[in-house]
Amino acid sequence: MIRKIASTTMFTAAMAVLCAAVNAQDYPIMDRIAGKVIQKYQTATCEQLWQERAQKGKAPKPQMEQEALGMLKSDAQMRAAFINKVAAPIANKMFECGMIP
């Protein structure tokens, strides 16, 4: 019984590692963009984020940002992978800054 549980656990762990590796290889550009977004939120001060929020919509978005958004809008799987990667760091920072309850 213990061998069966151990082998099942090892199989599950191996599948999780494999899925993570495949997911990272599927969208290398998205991974770099997500990394930059995460870094931005981790290094920004709350004041900077509040100022950026106040300025939202007043300035046009850079061309590369528009292209990245277009890629995410057109590919649901890539969009899901992106959101899964950046959601927690962004939400944590916004919570720390009082931007979400």
Protein backbone atom coordinates (compact mmCIF):
# COMPACT_ATOMS: atom_id res chain seq x y z
CA MET A 1 0.00 0.00 0.00
CA ILE A 2 2.82 2.41 0.89
CA ARG A 3 4.57 1.61 -2.40
CA LYS A 4 1.39 2.39 -4.32
CA ILE A 5 0.96 5.74 -2.55
CA ALA A 6 4.63 6.59 -3.08
CA SER A 7 4.51 5.71 -6.76
CA THR A 8 1.31 7.72 -7.23
CA THR A 9 2.88 10.70 -5.47
CA MET A 10 6.03 10.45 -7.61
CA PHE A 11 3.95 10.20 -10.78
CA THR A 12 1.89 13.25 -9.80
CA ALA A 13 5.03 15.25 -9.00
CA ALA A 14 6.64 14.25 -12.30
CA MET A 15 3.53 15.30 -14.23
CA ALA A 16 3.46 18.66 -12.44
CA VAL A 17 7.11 19.32 -13.35
CA LEU A 18 6.49 18.24 -16.93
CA CYS A 19 3.43 20.49 -17.26
CA ALA A 20 5.33 23.44 -15.84
CA ALA A 21 8.20 22.87 -18.27
CA VAL A 22 5.87 22.55 -21.26
CA ASN A 23 3.93 25.66 -20.25
CA ALA A 24 7.13 27.69 -19.96
CA GLN A 25 8.28 26.55 -23.40
CA ASP A 26 4.96 27.24 -25.12
CA TYR A 27 5.09 31.02 -24.74
CA PRO A 28 8.65 32.30 -24.26
CA ILE A 29 7.72 35.85 -25.29
CA MET A 30 4.73 35.85 -22.93
CA ASP A 31 7.00 34.60 -20.14
CA ARG A 32 9.35 37.57 -20.67
CA ILE A 33 6.45 40.02 -20.72
CA ALA A 34 4.97 38.49 -17.59
CA GLY A 35 8.37 38.72 -15.90
CA LYS A 36 8.57 42.42 -16.72
CA VAL A 37 5.03 43.03 -15.42
CA ILE A 38 5.80 41.18 -12.19
CA GLN A 39 9.06 43.08 -11.76
CA LYS A 40 7.27 46.38 -12.33
CA TYR A 41 4.74 45.67 -9.58
CA GLN A 42 7.36 44.32 -7.17
CA THR A 43 9.65 47.34 -7.55
CA ALA A 44 7.04 50.10 -7.82
CA THR A 45 6.04 52.11 -4.80
CA CYS A 46 2.40 52.48 -3.87
CA GLU A 47 2.61 56.16 -4.78
CA GLN A 48 3.86 55.30 -8.27
CA LEU A 49 1.01 52.84 -8.79
CA TRP A 50 -1.57 55.38 -7.60
CA GLN A 51 -0.15 58.00 -9.99
CA GLU A 52 -0.18 55.53 -12.86
CA ARG A 53 -3.78 54.66 -12.09
CA ALA A 54 -4.71 58.36 -12.11
CA GLN A 55 -3.04 58.82 -15.50
CA LYS A 56 -4.66 55.75 -17.06
CA GLY A 57 -6.24 56.49 -20.41
CA LYS A 58 -4.64 59.93 -20.77
CA ALA A 59 -1.55 58.80 -22.68
CA PRO A 60 -1.46 56.44 -25.68
CA LYS A 61 0.00 52.99 -25.06
CA PRO A 62 3.36 52.19 -26.66
CA GLN A 63 3.25 50.11 -29.85
CA MET A 64 4.89 47.05 -28.24
CA GLU A 65 2.34 47.09 -25.42
CA GLN A 66 -0.50 47.26 -27.93
CA GLU A 67 0.97 44.29 -29.82
CA ALA A 68 1.34 42.26 -26.61
CA LEU A 69 -2.27 43.00 -25.66
CA GLY A 70 -3.35 41.96 -29.15
CA MET A 71 -1.55 38.62 -28.77
CA LEU A 72 -3.23 38.00 -25.42
CA LYS A 73 -6.66 38.92 -26.78
CA SER A 74 -6.30 36.58 -29.74
CA ASP A 75 -4.95 33.52 -27.89
CA ALA A 76 -7.07 32.34 -24.96
CA GLN A 77 -4.53 29.76 -23.79
CA MET A 78 -1.72 32.29 -23.77
CA ARG A 79 -3.95 34.76 -21.94
CA ALA A 80 -4.78 32.16 -19.29
CA ALA A 81 -1.09 31.31 -18.82
CA PHE A 82 -0.26 35.03 -18.53
CA ILE A 83 -2.98 35.69 -15.98
CA ASN A 84 -2.00 32.61 -13.95
CA LYS A 85 1.55 33.91 -13.82
CA VAL A 86 0.96 37.58 -12.96
CA ALA A 87 -2.27 37.55 -10.95
CA ALA A 88 -0.86 36.77 -7.50
CA PRO A 89 2.03 39.28 -7.53
CA ILE A 90 -0.21 42.06 -8.88
CA ALA A 91 -3.04 41.34 -6.46
CA ASN A 92 -0.67 41.21 -3.50
CA LYS A 93 0.88 44.58 -4.37
CA MET A 94 -2.51 46.18 -4.97
CA PHE A 95 -3.72 44.85 -1.61
CA GLU A 96 -0.62 46.25 0.13
CA CYS A 97 -1.26 49.63 -1.49
CA GLY A 98 -4.94 49.71 -0.53
CA MET A 99 -6.07 49.54 -4.16
CA ILE A 100 -8.30 46.53 -3.48
CA PRO A 101 -10.14 45.76 -0.23
